[in-house]
Amino acid sequence: VLLYPETYARNNAIASEKQYTLWVLDLQYLDHY
């Protein structure tokens, strides 16, 4: 289960194995880059 925000898990003593970072790439700017 992915749970967001991580602070909710921490504040409610819900164990987590990993933390992920969501990275969003808007490709409409790729040609300019």
PDB file of all heavy atoms in Angstrom:
ATOM      1  N   VAL A   1       0.854  -1.183   0.000  1.00  0.00           N
ATOM      2  CA  VAL A   1       0.000   0.000   0.000  1.00  0.00           C
ATOM      3  C   VAL A   1       0.891   1.234   0.000  1.00  0.00           C
ATOM      4  O   VAL A   1       1.825   1.320   0.799  1.00  0.00           O
ATOM      5  CB  VAL A   1      -0.919   0.029   1.243  1.00  0.00           C
ATOM      6  CG1 VAL A   1      -1.747   1.301   1.274  1.00  0.00           C
ATOM      7  CG2 VAL A   1      -1.810  -1.198   1.288  1.00  0.00           C
ATOM      8  N   LEU A   2       0.614   2.154  -0.893  1.00  0.00           N
ATOM      9  CA  LEU A   2       1.290   3.434  -0.878  1.00  0.00           C
ATOM     10  C   LEU A   2       0.412   4.392  -0.087  1.00  0.00           C
ATOM     11  O   LEU A   2      -0.798   4.465  -0.325  1.00  0.00           O
ATOM     12  CB  LEU A   2       1.514   3.947  -2.298  1.00  0.00           C
ATOM     13  CG  LEU A   2       2.383   3.081  -3.193  1.00  0.00           C
ATOM     14  CD1 LEU A   2       2.414   3.629  -4.613  1.00  0.00           C
ATOM     15  CD2 LEU A   2       3.787   2.986  -2.644  1.00  0.00           C
ATOM     16  N   LEU A   3       1.013   5.097   0.843  1.00  0.00           N
ATOM     17  CA  LEU A   3       0.259   5.986   1.726  1.00  0.00           C
ATOM     18  C   LEU A   3       0.861   7.373   1.677  1.00  0.00           C
ATOM     19  O   LEU A   3       2.079   7.545   1.845  1.00  0.00           O
ATOM     20  CB  LEU A   3       0.304   5.437   3.158  1.00  0.00           C
ATOM     21  CG  LEU A   3      -0.448   6.211   4.231  1.00  0.00           C
ATOM     22  CD1 LEU A   3      -1.943   6.280   3.918  1.00  0.00           C
ATOM     23  CD2 LEU A   3      -0.229   5.551   5.590  1.00  0.00           C
ATOM     24  N   TYR A   4       0.007   8.357   1.436  1.00  0.00           N
ATOM     25  CA  TYR A   4       0.453   9.746   1.359  1.00  0.00           C
ATOM     26  C   TYR A   4      -0.435  10.588   2.258  1.00  0.00           C
ATOM     27  O   TYR A   4      -1.647  10.401   2.253  1.00  0.00           O
ATOM     28  CB  TYR A   4       0.360  10.244  -0.086  1.00  0.00           C
ATOM     29  CG  TYR A   4       0.771  11.683  -0.240  1.00  0.00           C
ATOM     30  CD1 TYR A   4       2.107  12.029  -0.406  1.00  0.00           C
ATOM     31  CD2 TYR A   4      -0.169  12.706  -0.195  1.00  0.00           C
ATOM     32  CE1 TYR A   4       2.496  13.349  -0.532  1.00  0.00           C
ATOM     33  CE2 TYR A   4       0.213  14.032  -0.322  1.00  0.00           C
ATOM     34  CZ  TYR A   4       1.542  14.341  -0.483  1.00  0.00           C
ATOM     35  OH  TYR A   4       1.926  15.650  -0.600  1.00  0.00           O
ATOM     36  N   PRO A   5       0.080  11.472   3.037  1.00  0.00           N
ATOM     37  CA  PRO A   5       1.484  11.818   3.218  1.00  0.00           C
ATOM     38  C   PRO A   5       2.178  10.886   4.209  1.00  0.00           C
ATOM     39  O   PRO A   5       1.535  10.260   5.050  1.00  0.00           O
ATOM     40  CB  PRO A   5       1.441  13.251   3.755  1.00  0.00           C
ATOM     41  CG  PRO A   5       0.171  13.304   4.532  1.00  0.00           C
ATOM     42  CD  PRO A   5      -0.792  12.405   3.788  1.00  0.00           C
ATOM     43  N   GLU A   6       3.470  10.839   4.105  1.00  0.00           N
ATOM     44  CA  GLU A   6       4.276   9.988   4.982  1.00  0.00           C
ATOM     45  C   GLU A   6       4.110  10.395   6.439  1.00  0.00           C
ATOM     46  O   GLU A   6       4.167   9.557   7.337  1.00  0.00           O
ATOM     47  CB  GLU A   6       5.747  10.075   4.539  1.00  0.00           C
ATOM     48  CG  GLU A   6       6.704   9.210   5.316  1.00  0.00           C
ATOM     49  CD  GLU A   6       7.246   9.894   6.556  1.00  0.00           C
ATOM     50  OE1 GLU A   6       7.313  11.127   6.579  1.00  0.00           O
ATOM     51  OE2 GLU A   6       7.590   9.176   7.513  1.00  0.00           O
ATOM     52  N   THR A   7       3.865  11.653   6.677  1.00  0.00           N
ATOM     53  CA  THR A   7       3.695  12.120   8.063  1.00  0.00           C
ATOM     54  C   THR A   7       2.486  11.474   8.732  1.00  0.00           C
ATOM     55  O   THR A   7       2.494  11.254   9.932  1.00  0.00           O
ATOM     56  CB  THR A   7       3.556  13.647   8.130  1.00  0.00           C
ATOM     57  OG1 THR A   7       2.496  14.053   7.249  1.00  0.00           O
ATOM     58  CG2 THR A   7       4.852  14.335   7.730  1.00  0.00           C
ATOM     59  N   TYR A   8       1.449  11.156   7.955  1.00  0.00           N
ATOM     60  CA  TYR A   8       0.287  10.470   8.537  1.00  0.00           C
ATOM     61  C   TYR A   8       0.707   9.111   9.076  1.00  0.00           C
ATOM     62  O   TYR A   8       0.337   8.740  10.189  1.00  0.00           O
ATOM     63  CB  TYR A   8      -0.850  10.317   7.517  1.00  0.00           C
ATOM     64  CG  TYR A   8      -1.998   9.526   8.097  1.00  0.00           C
ATOM     65  CD1 TYR A   8      -2.959  10.150   8.878  1.00  0.00           C
ATOM     66  CD2 TYR A   8      -2.100   8.153   7.908  1.00  0.00           C
ATOM     67  CE1 TYR A   8      -3.990   9.435   9.456  1.00  0.00           C
ATOM     68  CE2 TYR A   8      -3.122   7.427   8.474  1.00  0.00           C
ATOM     69  CZ  TYR A   8      -4.071   8.071   9.249  1.00  0.00           C
ATOM     70  OH  TYR A   8      -5.073   7.357   9.832  1.00  0.00           O
ATOM     71  N   ALA A   9       1.478   8.364   8.290  1.00  0.00           N
ATOM     72  CA  ALA A   9       1.949   7.045   8.738  1.00  0.00           C
ATOM     73  C   ALA A   9       2.783   7.188  10.011  1.00  0.00           C
ATOM     74  O   ALA A   9       2.577   6.450  10.984  1.00  0.00           O
ATOM     75  CB  ALA A   9       2.760   6.368   7.636  1.00  0.00           C
ATOM     76  N   ARG A  10       3.697   8.122  10.002  1.00  0.00           N
ATOM     77  CA  ARG A  10       4.567   8.327  11.167  1.00  0.00           C
ATOM     78  C   ARG A  10       3.754   8.727  12.403  1.00  0.00           C
ATOM     79  O   ARG A  10       3.947   8.173  13.490  1.00  0.00           O
ATOM     80  CB  ARG A  10       5.608   9.398  10.849  1.00  0.00           C
ATOM     81  CG  ARG A  10       6.698   9.496  11.872  1.00  0.00           C
ATOM     82  CD  ARG A  10       7.832  10.448  11.514  1.00  0.00           C
ATOM     83  NE  ARG A  10       7.863  10.978  10.168  1.00  0.00           N
ATOM     84  CZ  ARG A  10       7.658  12.260   9.869  1.00  0.00           C
ATOM     85  NH1 ARG A  10       7.434  13.150  10.800  1.00  0.00           N
ATOM     86  NH2 ARG A  10       7.712  12.662   8.620  1.00  0.00           N
ATOM     87  N   ASN A  11       2.818   9.650  12.254  1.00  0.00           N
ATOM     88  CA  ASN A  11       2.022  10.135  13.385  1.00  0.00           C
ATOM     89  C   ASN A  11       1.049   9.106  13.927  1.00  0.00           C
ATOM     90  O   ASN A  11       0.573   9.226  15.057  1.00  0.00           O
ATOM     91  CB  ASN A  11       1.257  11.407  12.998  1.00  0.00           C
ATOM     92  CG  ASN A  11       2.171  12.566  12.722  1.00  0.00           C
ATOM     93  OD1 ASN A  11       3.333  12.576  13.136  1.00  0.00           O
ATOM     94  ND2 ASN A  11       1.662  13.559  12.016  1.00  0.00           N
ATOM     95  N   ASN A  12       0.743   8.084  13.124  1.00  0.00           N
ATOM     96  CA  ASN A  12      -0.207   7.050  13.549  1.00  0.00           C
ATOM     97  C   ASN A  12       0.454   5.690  13.735  1.00  0.00           C
ATOM     98  O   ASN A  12      -0.237   4.674  13.748  1.00  0.00           O
ATOM     99  CB  ASN A  12      -1.355   6.968  12.545  1.00  0.00           C
ATOM    100  CG  ASN A  12      -2.262   8.159  12.642  1.00  0.00           C
ATOM    101  OD1 ASN A  12      -3.131   8.213  13.498  1.00  0.00           O
ATOM    102  ND2 ASN A  12      -2.037   9.159  11.799  1.00  0.00           N
ATOM    103  N   ALA A  13       1.759   5.688  13.880  1.00  0.00           N
ATOM    104  CA  ALA A  13       2.536   4.471  14.141  1.00  0.00           C
ATOM    105  C   ALA A  13       2.232   3.368  13.129  1.00  0.00           C
ATOM    106  O   ALA A  13       2.042   2.207  13.492  1.00  0.00           O
ATOM    107  CB  ALA A  13       2.301   3.987  15.569  1.00  0.00           C
ATOM    108  N   ILE A  14       2.184   3.730  11.861  1.00  0.00           N
ATOM    109  CA  ILE A  14       1.988   2.760  10.788  1.00  0.00           C
ATOM    110  C   ILE A  14       3.362   2.494  10.186  1.00  0.00           C
ATOM    111  O   ILE A  14       4.018   3.404   9.678  1.00  0.00           O
ATOM    112  CB  ILE A  14       1.011   3.293   9.718  1.00  0.00           C
ATOM    113  CG1 ILE A  14      -0.360   3.554  10.353  1.00  0.00           C
ATOM    114  CG2 ILE A  14       0.902   2.317   8.552  1.00  0.00           C
ATOM    115  CD1 ILE A  14      -1.348   4.241   9.431  1.00  0.00           C
ATOM    116  N   ALA A  15       3.779   1.253  10.273  1.00  0.00           N
ATOM    117  CA  ALA A  15       5.115   0.874   9.800  1.00  0.00           C
ATOM    118  C   ALA A  15       5.207   1.027   8.286  1.00  0.00           C
ATOM    119  O   ALA A  15       4.240   0.781   7.561  1.00  0.00           O
ATOM    120  CB  ALA A  15       5.418  -0.565  10.197  1.00  0.00           C
ATOM    121  N   SER A  16       6.382   1.421   7.826  1.00  0.00           N
ATOM    122  CA  SER A  16       6.615   1.505   6.383  1.00  0.00           C
ATOM    123  C   SER A  16       7.977   0.915   6.075  1.00  0.00           C
ATOM    124  O   SER A  16       8.917   1.045   6.849  1.00  0.00           O
ATOM    125  CB  SER A  16       6.530   2.959   5.903  1.00  0.00           C
ATOM    126  OG  SER A  16       7.535   3.730   6.499  1.00  0.00           O
ATOM    127  N   GLU A  17       8.045   0.248   4.927  1.00  0.00           N
ATOM    128  CA  GLU A  17       9.297  -0.368   4.499  1.00  0.00           C
ATOM    129  C   GLU A  17      10.138   0.571   3.654  1.00  0.00           C
ATOM    130  O   GLU A  17      11.355   0.543   3.707  1.00  0.00           O
ATOM    131  CB  GLU A  17       9.012  -1.638   3.693  1.00  0.00           C
ATOM    132  CG  GLU A  17       8.431  -2.760   4.513  1.00  0.00           C
ATOM    133  CD  GLU A  17       8.151  -3.986   3.652  1.00  0.00           C
ATOM    134  OE1 GLU A  17       8.750  -4.120   2.559  1.00  0.00           O
ATOM    135  OE2 GLU A  17       7.328  -4.815   4.081  1.00  0.00           O
ATOM    136  N   LYS A  18       9.478   1.382   2.827  1.00  0.00           N
ATOM    137  CA  LYS A  18      10.183   2.236   1.882  1.00  0.00           C
ATOM    138  C   LYS A  18       9.485   3.582   1.787  1.00  0.00           C
ATOM    139  O   LYS A  18       8.305   3.697   2.082  1.00  0.00           O
ATOM    140  CB  LYS A  18      10.195   1.615   0.475  1.00  0.00           C
ATOM    141  CG  LYS A  18      10.895   0.300   0.366  1.00  0.00           C
ATOM    142  CD  LYS A  18      10.792  -0.223  -1.063  1.00  0.00           C
ATOM    143  CE  LYS A  18      11.413  -1.592  -1.181  1.00  0.00           C
ATOM    144  NZ  LYS A  18      11.271  -2.121  -2.532  1.00  0.00           N
ATOM    145  N   GLN A  19      10.237   4.548   1.316  1.00  0.00           N
ATOM    146  CA  GLN A  19       9.663   5.841   0.970  1.00  0.00           C
ATOM    147  C   GLN A  19       9.959   6.103  -0.500  1.00  0.00           C
ATOM    148  O   GLN A  19      11.067   5.838  -0.969  1.00  0.00           O
ATOM    149  CB  GLN A  19      10.264   6.964   1.801  1.00  0.00           C
ATOM    150  CG  GLN A  19       9.769   6.994   3.210  1.00  0.00           C
ATOM    151  CD  GLN A  19      10.288   8.234   3.941  1.00  0.00           C
ATOM    152  OE1 GLN A  19      11.121   8.973   3.446  1.00  0.00           O
ATOM    153  NE2 GLN A  19       9.783   8.447   5.130  1.00  0.00           N
ATOM    154  N   TYR A  20       8.957   6.584  -1.207  1.00  0.00           N
ATOM    155  CA  TYR A  20       9.110   6.897  -2.616  1.00  0.00           C
ATOM    156  C   TYR A  20       8.927   8.402  -2.818  1.00  0.00           C
ATOM    157  O   TYR A  20       8.226   9.049  -2.050  1.00  0.00           O
ATOM    158  CB  TYR A  20       8.059   6.156  -3.465  1.00  0.00           C
ATOM    159  CG  TYR A  20       8.254   4.671  -3.505  1.00  0.00           C
ATOM    160  CD1 TYR A  20       7.600   3.836  -2.607  1.00  0.00           C
ATOM    161  CD2 TYR A  20       9.091   4.090  -4.456  1.00  0.00           C
ATOM    162  CE1 TYR A  20       7.775   2.468  -2.649  1.00  0.00           C
ATOM    163  CE2 TYR A  20       9.266   2.725  -4.503  1.00  0.00           C
ATOM    164  CZ  TYR A  20       8.608   1.914  -3.596  1.00  0.00           C
ATOM    165  OH  TYR A  20       8.787   0.568  -3.644  1.00  0.00           O
ATOM    166  N   THR A  21       9.538   8.895  -3.853  1.00  0.00           N
ATOM    167  CA  THR A  21       9.362  10.279  -4.248  1.00  0.00           C
ATOM    168  C   THR A  21       8.636  10.293  -5.581  1.00  0.00           C
ATOM    169  O   THR A  21       9.057   9.624  -6.519  1.00  0.00           O
ATOM    170  CB  THR A  21      10.732  10.989  -4.398  1.00  0.00           C
ATOM    171  OG1 THR A  21      11.401  10.940  -3.136  1.00  0.00           O
ATOM    172  CG2 THR A  21      10.553  12.425  -4.829  1.00  0.00           C
ATOM    173  N   LEU A  22       7.552  11.029  -5.633  1.00  0.00           N
ATOM    174  CA  LEU A  22       6.820  11.175  -6.889  1.00  0.00           C
ATOM    175  C   LEU A  22       7.506  12.254  -7.704  1.00  0.00           C
ATOM    176  O   LEU A  22       7.696  13.374  -7.248  1.00  0.00           O
ATOM    177  CB  LEU A  22       5.366  11.572  -6.619  1.00  0.00           C
ATOM    178  CG  LEU A  22       4.511  11.858  -7.847  1.00  0.00           C
ATOM    179  CD1 LEU A  22       4.366  10.616  -8.722  1.00  0.00           C
ATOM    180  CD2 LEU A  22       3.152  12.385  -7.437  1.00  0.00           C
ATOM    181  N   TRP A  23       7.899  11.902  -8.913  1.00  0.00           N
ATOM    182  CA  TRP A  23       8.547  12.836  -9.821  1.00  0.00           C
ATOM    183  C   TRP A  23       7.674  12.944 -11.049  1.00  0.00           C
ATOM    184  O   TRP A  23       7.335  11.933 -11.677  1.00  0.00           O
ATOM    185  CB  TRP A  23       9.946  12.335 -10.171  1.00  0.00           C
ATOM    186  CG  TRP A  23      10.722  13.231 -11.068  1.00  0.00           C
ATOM    187  CD1 TRP A  23      10.969  14.564 -10.885  1.00  0.00           C
ATOM    188  CD2 TRP A  23      11.374  12.874 -12.286  1.00  0.00           C
ATOM    189  NE1 TRP A  23      11.736  15.040 -11.915  1.00  0.00           N
ATOM    190  CE2 TRP A  23      12.006  14.036 -12.794  1.00  0.00           C
ATOM    191  CE3 TRP A  23      11.491  11.686 -12.994  1.00  0.00           C
ATOM    192  CZ2 TRP A  23      12.730  14.040 -13.967  1.00  0.00           C
ATOM    193  CZ3 TRP A  23      12.216  11.696 -14.170  1.00  0.00           C
ATOM    194  CH2 TRP A  23      12.827  12.861 -14.641  1.00  0.00           C
ATOM    195  N   VAL A  24       7.289  14.143 -11.395  1.00  0.00           N
ATOM    196  CA  VAL A  24       6.422  14.377 -12.532  1.00  0.00           C
ATOM    197  C   VAL A  24       7.198  15.164 -13.578  1.00  0.00           C
ATOM    198  O   VAL A  24       7.774  16.209 -13.270  1.00  0.00           O
ATOM    199  CB  VAL A  24       5.158  15.164 -12.110  1.00  0.00           C
ATOM    200  CG1 VAL A  24       4.297  15.461 -13.320  1.00  0.00           C
ATOM    201  CG2 VAL A  24       4.377  14.387 -11.060  1.00  0.00           C
ATOM    202  N   LEU A  25       7.209  14.658 -14.784  1.00  0.00           N
ATOM    203  CA  LEU A  25       7.885  15.317 -15.895  1.00  0.00           C
ATOM    204  C   LEU A  25       6.833  15.699 -16.925  1.00  0.00           C
ATOM    205  O   LEU A  25       6.167  14.835 -17.491  1.00  0.00           O
ATOM    206  CB  LEU A  25       8.925  14.378 -16.526  1.00  0.00           C
ATOM    207  CG  LEU A  25       9.652  14.888 -17.762  1.00  0.00           C
ATOM    208  CD1 LEU A  25      10.464  16.133 -17.440  1.00  0.00           C
ATOM    209  CD2 LEU A  25      10.552  13.798 -18.322  1.00  0.00           C
ATOM    210  N   ASP A  26       6.665  16.986 -17.138  1.00  0.00           N
ATOM    211  CA  ASP A  26       5.723  17.479 -18.130  1.00  0.00           C
ATOM    212  C   ASP A  26       6.465  17.576 -19.461  1.00  0.00           C
ATOM    213  O   ASP A  26       7.288  18.465 -19.664  1.00  0.00           O
ATOM    214  CB  ASP A  26       5.187  18.839 -17.708  1.00  0.00           C
ATOM    215  CG  ASP A  26       4.027  19.293 -18.576  1.00  0.00           C
ATOM    216  OD1 ASP A  26       3.862  18.766 -19.694  1.00  0.00           O
ATOM    217  OD2 ASP A  26       3.287  20.184 -18.132  1.00  0.00           O
ATOM    218  N   LEU A  27       6.196  16.655 -20.355  1.00  0.00           N
ATOM    219  CA  LEU A  27       6.936  16.546 -21.613  1.00  0.00           C
ATOM    220  C   LEU A  27       6.661  17.671 -22.602  1.00  0.00           C
ATOM    221  O   LEU A  27       7.379  17.800 -23.592  1.00  0.00           O
ATOM    222  CB  LEU A  27       6.653  15.197 -22.265  1.00  0.00           C
ATOM    223  CG  LEU A  27       7.124  13.990 -21.458  1.00  0.00           C
ATOM    224  CD1 LEU A  27       6.741  12.706 -22.168  1.00  0.00           C
ATOM    225  CD2 LEU A  27       8.613  14.033 -21.222  1.00  0.00           C
ATOM    226  N   GLN A  28       5.689  18.514 -22.323  1.00  0.00           N
ATOM    227  CA  GLN A  28       5.425  19.607 -23.262  1.00  0.00           C
ATOM    228  C   GLN A  28       6.587  20.597 -23.325  1.00  0.00           C
ATOM    229  O   GLN A  28       6.707  21.362 -24.266  1.00  0.00           O
ATOM    230  CB  GLN A  28       4.129  20.330 -22.912  1.00  0.00           C
ATOM    231  CG  GLN A  28       4.202  21.202 -21.675  1.00  0.00           C
ATOM    232  CD  GLN A  28       2.916  21.969 -21.447  1.00  0.00           C
ATOM    233  OE1 GLN A  28       2.171  22.255 -22.385  1.00  0.00           O
ATOM    234  NE2 GLN A  28       2.648  22.287 -20.196  1.00  0.00           N
ATOM    235  N   TYR A  29       7.472  20.582 -22.312  1.00  0.00           N
ATOM    236  CA  TYR A  29       8.611  21.491 -22.294  1.00  0.00           C
ATOM    237  C   TYR A  29       9.907  20.825 -22.755  1.00  0.00           C
ATOM    238  O   TYR A  29      10.950  21.451 -22.763  1.00  0.00           O
ATOM    239  CB  TYR A  29       8.805  22.063 -20.887  1.00  0.00           C
ATOM    240  CG  TYR A  29       7.579  22.793 -20.397  1.00  0.00           C
ATOM    241  CD1 TYR A  29       6.770  22.244 -19.400  1.00  0.00           C
ATOM    242  CD2 TYR A  29       7.208  24.009 -20.953  1.00  0.00           C
ATOM    243  CE1 TYR A  29       5.634  22.915 -18.970  1.00  0.00           C
ATOM    244  CE2 TYR A  29       6.078  24.678 -20.533  1.00  0.00           C
ATOM    245  CZ  TYR A  29       5.298  24.122 -19.530  1.00  0.00           C
ATOM    246  OH  TYR A  29       4.179  24.773 -19.125  1.00  0.00           O
ATOM    247  N   LEU A  30       9.851  19.571 -23.118  1.00  0.00           N
ATOM    248  CA  LEU A  30      11.046  18.824 -23.470  1.00  0.00           C
ATOM    249  C   LEU A  30      11.768  19.390 -24.696  1.00  0.00           C
ATOM    250  O   LEU A  30      12.992  19.505 -24.693  1.00  0.00           O
ATOM    251  CB  LEU A  30      10.700  17.352 -23.697  1.00  0.00           C
ATOM    252  CG  LEU A  30      11.813  16.353 -23.550  1.00  0.00           C
ATOM    253  CD1 LEU A  30      12.492  16.464 -22.200  1.00  0.00           C
ATOM    254  CD2 LEU A  30      11.300  14.953 -23.756  1.00  0.00           C
ATOM    255  N   ASP A  31      11.049  19.768 -25.740  1.00  0.00           N
ATOM    256  CA  ASP A  31      11.682  20.329 -26.940  1.00  0.00           C
ATOM    257  C   ASP A  31      12.457  21.610 -26.619  1.00  0.00           C
ATOM    258  O   ASP A  31      13.567  21.812 -27.099  1.00  0.00           O
ATOM    259  CB  ASP A  31      10.643  20.614 -28.029  1.00  0.00           C
ATOM    260  CG  ASP A  31      10.106  19.344 -28.661  1.00  0.00           C
ATOM    261  OD1 ASP A  31      10.752  18.277 -28.508  1.00  0.00           O
ATOM    262  OD2 ASP A  31       9.039  19.406 -29.293  1.00  0.00           O
ATOM    263  N   HIS A  32      11.882  22.463 -25.785  1.00  0.00           N
ATOM    264  CA  HIS A  32      12.566  23.697 -25.395  1.00  0.00           C
ATOM    265  C   HIS A  32      13.850  23.383 -24.622  1.00  0.00           C
ATOM    266  O   HIS A  32      14.880  24.033 -24.814  1.00  0.00           O
ATOM    267  CB  HIS A  32      11.660  24.592 -24.548  1.00  0.00           C
ATOM    268  CG  HIS A  32      10.433  25.032 -25.259  1.00  0.00           C
ATOM    269  ND1 HIS A  32      10.467  25.856 -26.366  1.00  0.00           N
ATOM    270  CD2 HIS A  32       9.126  24.762 -25.019  1.00  0.00           C
ATOM    271  CE1 HIS A  32       9.227  26.078 -26.772  1.00  0.00           C
ATOM    272  NE2 HIS A  32       8.404  25.423 -25.977  1.00  0.00           N
ATOM    273  N   TYR A  33      13.774  22.378 -23.767  1.00  0.00           N
ATOM    274  CA  TYR A  33      14.941  22.001 -22.967  1.00  0.00           C
ATOM    275  C   TYR A  33      16.069  21.495 -23.873  1.00  0.00           C
ATOM    276  O   TYR A  33      17.225  21.912 -23.729  1.00  0.00           O
ATOM    277  CB  TYR A  33      14.551  20.938 -21.942  1.00  0.00           C
ATOM    278  CG  TYR A  33      15.721  20.358 -21.190  1.00  0.00           C
ATOM    279  CD1 TYR A  33      16.422  21.114 -20.252  1.00  0.00           C
ATOM    280  CD2 TYR A  33      16.141  19.052 -21.422  1.00  0.00           C
ATOM    281  CE1 TYR A  33      17.502  20.598 -19.561  1.00  0.00           C
ATOM    282  CE2 TYR A  33      17.221  18.516 -20.739  1.00  0.00           C
ATOM    283  CZ  TYR A  33      17.889  19.295 -19.804  1.00  0.00           C
ATOM    284  OH  TYR A  33      18.955  18.769 -19.122  1.00  0.00           O
TER     285      TYR A  33
END
